[in-house]
């Protein structure tokens, strides 16, 4: 996946960037990974497998937007 709605090219994002589902507001945090999909901590959003979907609502990756740094 090279880009998605609301952000652009995921390869350009910082590996620590968090992404939020626009459907259910689940936040994918690379520092935590995803236990539902068995994604190891430290996995950037850009390196998620193509079949990965939101663990809460099954939204596809193109439904995620960047969470701004606080």
PDB file of N, CA and C in Angstrom:
ATOM      1  N   UNK A   1       0.848  -1.174   0.000  1.00  0.00           N
ATOM      2  CA  UNK A   1       0.000   0.000   0.000  1.00  0.00           C
ATOM      3  C   UNK A   1       0.888   1.229   0.000  1.00  0.00           C
ATOM      4  N   UNK A   2       0.662   2.144  -0.908  1.00  0.00           N
ATOM      5  CA  UNK A   2       1.512   3.319  -1.005  1.00  0.00           C
ATOM      6  C   UNK A   2       0.849   4.576  -0.484  1.00  0.00           C
ATOM      7  N   UNK A   3      -0.462   4.608  -0.361  1.00  0.00           N
ATOM      8  CA  UNK A   3      -1.136   5.789   0.142  1.00  0.00           C
ATOM      9  C   UNK A   3      -2.554   5.471   0.548  1.00  0.00           C
ATOM     10  N   UNK A   4      -3.163   6.399   1.268  1.00  0.00           N
ATOM     11  CA  UNK A   4      -4.537   6.196   1.687  1.00  0.00           C
ATOM     12  C   UNK A   4      -5.172   7.536   1.983  1.00  0.00           C
ATOM     13  N   UNK A   5      -6.481   7.560   2.032  1.00  0.00           N
ATOM     14  CA  UNK A   5      -7.227   8.788   2.252  1.00  0.00           C
ATOM     15  C   UNK A   5      -6.833   9.444   3.570  1.00  0.00           C
ATOM     16  N   UNK A   6      -6.599  10.736   3.546  1.00  0.00           N
ATOM     17  CA  UNK A   6      -6.332  11.470   4.774  1.00  0.00           C
ATOM     18  C   UNK A   6      -4.865  11.612   5.124  1.00  0.00           C
ATOM     19  N   UNK A   7      -3.967  10.994   4.347  1.00  0.00           N
ATOM     20  CA  UNK A   7      -2.562  11.142   4.703  1.00  0.00           C
ATOM     21  C   UNK A   7      -1.641  11.187   3.500  1.00  0.00           C
ATOM     22  N   UNK A   8      -1.727  10.257   2.602  1.00  0.00           N
ATOM     23  CA  UNK A   8      -0.785  10.196   1.494  1.00  0.00           C
ATOM     24  C   UNK A   8       0.073   8.960   1.596  1.00  0.00           C
ATOM     25  N   UNK A   9       1.343   9.097   1.309  1.00  0.00           N
ATOM     26  CA  UNK A   9       2.249   7.948   1.290  1.00  0.00           C
ATOM     27  C   UNK A   9       2.635   7.537   2.699  1.00  0.00           C
ATOM     28  N   UNK A  10       2.309   6.309   3.061  1.00  0.00           N
ATOM     29  CA  UNK A  10       2.655   5.812   4.395  1.00  0.00           C
ATOM     30  C   UNK A  10       4.149   5.632   4.547  1.00  0.00           C
ATOM     31  N   UNK A  11       4.858   5.409   3.454  1.00  0.00           N
ATOM     32  CA  UNK A  11       6.305   5.215   3.528  1.00  0.00           C
ATOM     33  C   UNK A  11       7.007   6.480   4.006  1.00  0.00           C
ATOM     34  N   UNK A  12       6.363   7.633   3.837  1.00  0.00           N
ATOM     35  CA  UNK A  12       6.947   8.906   4.264  1.00  0.00           C
ATOM     36  C   UNK A  12       6.738   9.186   5.742  1.00  0.00           C
ATOM     37  N   UNK A  13       5.903   8.415   6.407  1.00  0.00           N
ATOM     38  CA  UNK A  13       5.595   8.695   7.809  1.00  0.00           C
ATOM     39  C   UNK A  13       6.692   8.179   8.733  1.00  0.00           C
ATOM     40  N   UNK A  14       6.814   8.825   9.871  1.00  0.00           N
ATOM     41  CA  UNK A  14       7.750   8.395  10.909  1.00  0.00           C
ATOM     42  C   UNK A  14       7.308   7.016  11.388  1.00  0.00           C
ATOM     43  N   UNK A  15       8.217   6.086  11.619  1.00  0.00           N
ATOM     44  CA  UNK A  15       7.841   4.734  12.063  1.00  0.00           C
ATOM     45  C   UNK A  15       7.071   4.717  13.383  1.00  0.00           C
ATOM     46  N   UNK A  16       7.158   5.794  14.154  1.00  0.00           N
ATOM     47  CA  UNK A  16       6.454   5.863  15.446  1.00  0.00           C
ATOM     48  C   UNK A  16       5.084   6.520  15.340  1.00  0.00           C
ATOM     49  N   UNK A  17       4.714   6.960  14.146  1.00  0.00           N
ATOM     50  CA  UNK A  17       3.443   7.648  13.949  1.00  0.00           C
ATOM     51  C   UNK A  17       2.272   6.728  14.281  1.00  0.00           C
ATOM     52  N   UNK A  18       1.316   7.264  15.046  1.00  0.00           N
ATOM     53  CA  UNK A  18       0.100   6.524  15.380  1.00  0.00           C
ATOM     54  C   UNK A  18      -0.977   6.870  14.357  1.00  0.00           C
ATOM     55  N   UNK A  19      -1.853   5.894  14.076  1.00  0.00           N
ATOM     56  CA  UNK A  19      -2.927   6.072  13.110  1.00  0.00           C
ATOM     57  C   UNK A  19      -4.263   5.728  13.756  1.00  0.00           C
ATOM     58  N   UNK A  20      -5.288   6.510  13.411  1.00  0.00           N
ATOM     59  CA  UNK A  20      -6.608   6.344  14.014  1.00  0.00           C
ATOM     60  C   UNK A  20      -7.633   5.934  12.961  1.00  0.00           C
ATOM     61  N   UNK A  21      -8.457   4.957  13.308  1.00  0.00           N
ATOM     62  CA  UNK A  21      -9.535   4.512  12.428  1.00  0.00           C
ATOM     63  C   UNK A  21     -10.613   5.596  12.370  1.00  0.00           C
ATOM     64  N   UNK A  22     -11.005   5.969  11.165  1.00  0.00           N
ATOM     65  CA  UNK A  22     -12.042   6.994  11.005  1.00  0.00           C
ATOM     66  C   UNK A  22     -13.435   6.445  11.282  1.00  0.00           C
ATOM     67  N   UNK A  23     -13.566   5.149  11.416  1.00  0.00           N
ATOM     68  CA  UNK A  23     -14.869   4.540  11.658  1.00  0.00           C
ATOM     69  C   UNK A  23     -15.153   4.418  13.155  1.00  0.00           C
ATOM     70  N   UNK A  24     -14.214   3.808  13.900  1.00  0.00           N
ATOM     71  CA  UNK A  24     -14.470   3.527  15.326  1.00  0.00           C
ATOM     72  C   UNK A  24     -13.491   4.224  16.276  1.00  0.00           C
ATOM     73  N   UNK A  25     -12.538   4.956  15.735  1.00  0.00           N
ATOM     74  CA  UNK A  25     -11.549   5.730  16.511  1.00  0.00           C
ATOM     75  C   UNK A  25     -10.500   4.866  17.212  1.00  0.00           C
ATOM     76  N   UNK A  26     -10.373   3.596  16.839  1.00  0.00           N
ATOM     77  CA  UNK A  26      -9.282   2.761  17.354  1.00  0.00           C
ATOM     78  C   UNK A  26      -7.962   3.387  16.909  1.00  0.00           C
ATOM     79  N   UNK A  27      -6.983   3.407  17.799  1.00  0.00           N
ATOM     80  CA  UNK A  27      -5.668   3.955  17.458  1.00  0.00           C
ATOM     81  C   UNK A  27      -4.654   2.821  17.361  1.00  0.00           C
ATOM     82  N   UNK A  28      -4.026   2.712  16.174  1.00  0.00           N
ATOM     83  CA  UNK A  28      -2.919   1.766  16.025  1.00  0.00           C
ATOM     84  C   UNK A  28      -1.656   2.487  16.470  1.00  0.00           C
ATOM     85  N   UNK A  29      -1.018   1.967  17.518  1.00  0.00           N
ATOM     86  CA  UNK A  29       0.222   2.527  18.046  1.00  0.00           C
ATOM     87  C   UNK A  29       1.344   1.537  17.760  1.00  0.00           C
ATOM     88  N   UNK A  30       2.304   1.908  16.914  1.00  0.00           N
ATOM     89  CA  UNK A  30       3.395   0.985  16.588  1.00  0.00           C
ATOM     90  C   UNK A  30       4.154   0.489  17.816  1.00  0.00           C
ATOM     91  N   UNK A  31       4.226   1.295  18.855  1.00  0.00           N
ATOM     92  CA  UNK A  31       4.939   0.884  20.070  1.00  0.00           C
ATOM     93  C   UNK A  31       4.263  -0.309  20.736  1.00  0.00           C
ATOM     94  N   UNK A  32       2.948  -0.447  20.531  1.00  0.00           N
ATOM     95  CA  UNK A  32       2.187  -1.535  21.148  1.00  0.00           C
ATOM     96  C   UNK A  32       1.930  -2.696  20.189  1.00  0.00           C
ATOM     97  N   UNK A  33       1.914  -2.433  18.889  1.00  0.00           N
ATOM     98  CA  UNK A  33       1.553  -3.476  17.933  1.00  0.00           C
ATOM     99  C   UNK A  33       0.065  -3.780  18.022  1.00  0.00           C
ATOM    100  N   UNK A  34      -0.317  -4.998  17.694  1.00  0.00           N
ATOM    101  CA  UNK A  34      -1.727  -5.399  17.703  1.00  0.00           C
ATOM    102  C   UNK A  34      -1.811  -6.867  18.109  1.00  0.00           C
ATOM    103  N   UNK A  35      -2.306  -7.114  19.307  1.00  0.00           N
ATOM    104  CA  UNK A  35      -2.389  -8.492  19.800  1.00  0.00           C
ATOM    105  C   UNK A  35      -3.441  -9.308  19.053  1.00  0.00           C
ATOM    106  N   UNK A  36      -4.497  -8.670  18.560  1.00  0.00           N
ATOM    107  CA  UNK A  36      -5.545  -9.385  17.831  1.00  0.00           C
ATOM    108  C   UNK A  36      -4.978 -10.008  16.556  1.00  0.00           C
ATOM    109  N   UNK A  37      -4.192  -9.245  15.820  1.00  0.00           N
ATOM    110  CA  UNK A  37      -3.598  -9.711  14.566  1.00  0.00           C
ATOM    111  C   UNK A  37      -2.190 -10.258  14.765  1.00  0.00           C
ATOM    112  N   UNK A  38      -1.734 -10.331  15.986  1.00  0.00           N
ATOM    113  CA  UNK A  38      -0.392 -10.816  16.330  1.00  0.00           C
ATOM    114  C   UNK A  38       0.692 -10.006  15.613  1.00  0.00           C
ATOM    115  N   UNK A  39       0.534  -8.688  15.652  1.00  0.00           N
ATOM    116  CA  UNK A  39       1.525  -7.767  15.103  1.00  0.00           C
ATOM    117  C   UNK A  39       2.459  -7.372  16.242  1.00  0.00           C
ATOM    118  N   UNK A  40       3.739  -7.592  16.059  1.00  0.00           N
ATOM    119  CA  UNK A  40       4.726  -7.344  17.111  1.00  0.00           C
ATOM    120  C   UNK A  40       4.865  -5.854  17.414  1.00  0.00           C
ATOM    121  N   UNK A  41       5.100  -5.517  18.686  1.00  0.00           N
ATOM    122  CA  UNK A  41       5.408  -4.122  19.022  1.00  0.00           C
ATOM    123  C   UNK A  41       6.597  -3.644  18.189  1.00  0.00           C
ATOM    124  N   UNK A  42       6.551  -2.385  17.794  1.00  0.00           N
ATOM    125  CA  UNK A  42       7.618  -1.818  16.979  1.00  0.00           C
ATOM    126  C   UNK A  42       7.345  -1.886  15.483  1.00  0.00           C
ATOM    127  N   UNK A  43       6.184  -2.439  15.079  1.00  0.00           N
ATOM    128  CA  UNK A  43       5.843  -2.537  13.655  1.00  0.00           C
ATOM    129  C   UNK A  43       5.153  -1.256  13.192  1.00  0.00           C
ATOM    130  N   UNK A  44       5.792  -0.486  12.299  1.00  0.00           N
ATOM    131  CA  UNK A  44       5.161   0.736  11.791  1.00  0.00           C
ATOM    132  C   UNK A  44       3.916   0.415  10.959  1.00  0.00           C
ATOM    133  N   UNK A  45       3.003   1.367  10.891  1.00  0.00           N
ATOM    134  CA  UNK A  45       1.781   1.204  10.108  1.00  0.00           C
ATOM    135  C   UNK A  45       2.105   0.831   8.665  1.00  0.00           C
ATOM    136  N   UNK A  46       3.148   1.425   8.113  1.00  0.00           N
ATOM    137  CA  UNK A  46       3.515   1.166   6.715  1.00  0.00           C
ATOM    138  C   UNK A  46       3.983  -0.266   6.473  1.00  0.00           C
ATOM    139  N   UNK A  47       4.292  -0.998   7.532  1.00  0.00           N
ATOM    140  CA  UNK A  47       4.757  -2.379   7.382  1.00  0.00           C
ATOM    141  C   UNK A  47       3.713  -3.410   7.810  1.00  0.00           C
ATOM    142  N   UNK A  48       2.486  -2.962   8.059  1.00  0.00           N
ATOM    143  CA  UNK A  48       1.422  -3.918   8.369  1.00  0.00           C
ATOM    144  C   UNK A  48       1.129  -4.748   7.123  1.00  0.00           C
ATOM    145  N   UNK A  49       0.744  -6.018   7.302  1.00  0.00           N
ATOM    146  CA  UNK A  49       0.419  -6.834   6.123  1.00  0.00           C
ATOM    147  C   UNK A  49      -0.794  -6.249   5.389  1.00  0.00           C
ATOM    148  N   UNK A  50      -0.871  -6.436   4.079  1.00  0.00           N
ATOM    149  CA  UNK A  50      -1.965  -5.857   3.290  1.00  0.00           C
ATOM    150  C   UNK A  50      -3.350  -6.292   3.756  1.00  0.00           C
ATOM    151  N   UNK A  51      -3.458  -7.473   4.347  1.00  0.00           N
ATOM    152  CA  UNK A  51      -4.766  -7.979   4.785  1.00  0.00           C
ATOM    153  C   UNK A  51      -5.159  -7.475   6.177  1.00  0.00           C
ATOM    154  N   UNK A  52      -4.288  -6.708   6.848  1.00  0.00           N
ATOM    155  CA  UNK A  52      -4.591  -6.206   8.191  1.00  0.00           C
ATOM    156  C   UNK A  52      -5.759  -5.235   8.122  1.00  0.00           C
ATOM    157  N   UNK A  53      -6.691  -5.388   9.051  1.00  0.00           N
ATOM    158  CA  UNK A  53      -7.813  -4.464   9.182  1.00  0.00           C
ATOM    159  C   UNK A  53      -7.944  -4.055  10.638  1.00  0.00           C
ATOM    160  N   UNK A  54      -8.747  -3.054  10.894  1.00  0.00           N
ATOM    161  CA  UNK A  54      -8.966  -2.567  12.253  1.00  0.00           C
ATOM    162  C   UNK A  54      -9.466  -3.719  13.127  1.00  0.00           C
ATOM    163  N   UNK A  55      -8.827  -3.954  14.267  1.00  0.00           N
ATOM    164  CA  UNK A  55      -9.254  -5.061  15.120  1.00  0.00           C
ATOM    165  C   UNK A  55     -10.609  -4.829  15.793  1.00  0.00           C
ATOM    166  N   UNK A  56     -11.104  -3.588  15.787  1.00  0.00           N
ATOM    167  CA  UNK A  56     -12.405  -3.305  16.401  1.00  0.00           C
ATOM    168  C   UNK A  56     -13.562  -3.394  15.412  1.00  0.00           C
ATOM    169  N   UNK A  57     -13.367  -2.836  14.204  1.00  0.00           N
ATOM    170  CA  UNK A  57     -14.501  -2.744  13.277  1.00  0.00           C
ATOM    171  C   UNK A  57     -14.216  -3.311  11.888  1.00  0.00           C
ATOM    172  N   UNK A  58     -13.025  -3.835  11.668  1.00  0.00           N
ATOM    173  CA  UNK A  58     -12.618  -4.436  10.392  1.00  0.00           C
ATOM    174  C   UNK A  58     -12.472  -3.431   9.247  1.00  0.00           C
ATOM    175  N   UNK A  59     -12.332  -2.147   9.571  1.00  0.00           N
ATOM    176  CA  UNK A  59     -12.092  -1.147   8.524  1.00  0.00           C
ATOM    177  C   UNK A  59     -10.737  -1.418   7.871  1.00  0.00           C
ATOM    178  N   UNK A  60     -10.655  -1.139   6.586  1.00  0.00           N
ATOM    179  CA  UNK A  60      -9.400  -1.336   5.864  1.00  0.00           C
ATOM    180  C   UNK A  60      -8.412  -0.212   6.190  1.00  0.00           C
ATOM    181  N   UNK A  61      -7.164  -0.426   5.838  1.00  0.00           N
ATOM    182  CA  UNK A  61      -6.102   0.522   6.176  1.00  0.00           C
ATOM    183  C   UNK A  61      -6.322   1.910   5.584  1.00  0.00           C
ATOM    184  N   UNK A  62      -7.033   2.005   4.464  1.00  0.00           N
ATOM    185  CA  UNK A  62      -7.266   3.321   3.865  1.00  0.00           C
ATOM    186  C   UNK A  62      -8.250   4.167   4.664  1.00  0.00           C
ATOM    187  N   UNK A  63      -8.840   3.592   5.709  1.00  0.00           N
ATOM    188  CA  UNK A  63      -9.751   4.327   6.581  1.00  0.00           C
ATOM    189  C   UNK A  63      -9.043   4.913   7.801  1.00  0.00           C
ATOM    190  N   UNK A  64      -7.723   4.842   7.837  1.00  0.00           N
ATOM    191  CA  UNK A  64      -6.943   5.352   8.966  1.00  0.00           C
ATOM    192  C   UNK A  64      -6.310   6.692   8.623  1.00  0.00           C
ATOM    193  N   UNK A  65      -6.239   7.571   9.628  1.00  0.00           N
ATOM    194  CA  UNK A  65      -5.609   8.878   9.481  1.00  0.00           C
ATOM    195  C   UNK A  65      -4.542   9.046  10.555  1.00  0.00           C
ATOM    196  N   UNK A  66      -3.626   9.952  10.323  1.00  0.00           N
ATOM    197  CA  UNK A  66      -2.531  10.210  11.253  1.00  0.00           C
ATOM    198  C   UNK A  66      -3.060  10.860  12.525  1.00  0.00           C
ATOM    199  N   UNK A  67      -2.546  10.408  13.663  1.00  0.00           N
ATOM    200  CA  UNK A  67      -2.826  11.056  14.945  1.00  0.00           C
ATOM    201  C   UNK A  67      -1.712  12.079  15.150  1.00  0.00           C
ATOM    202  N   UNK A  68      -2.061  13.363  15.248  1.00  0.00           N
ATOM    203  CA  UNK A  68      -1.018  14.380  15.431  1.00  0.00           C
ATOM    204  C   UNK A  68      -0.256  14.181  16.742  1.00  0.00           C
ATOM    205  N   UNK A  69       1.024  14.532  16.721  1.00  0.00           N
ATOM    206  CA  UNK A  69       1.816  14.484  17.951  1.00  0.00           C
ATOM    207  C   UNK A  69       1.243  15.468  18.950  1.00  0.00           C
ATOM    208  N   UNK A  70       1.312  15.083  20.207  1.00  0.00           N
ATOM    209  CA  UNK A  70       0.766  15.950  21.262  1.00  0.00           C
ATOM    210  C   UNK A  70       1.756  16.990  21.684  1.00  0.00           C
TER     211      UNK A  70
END
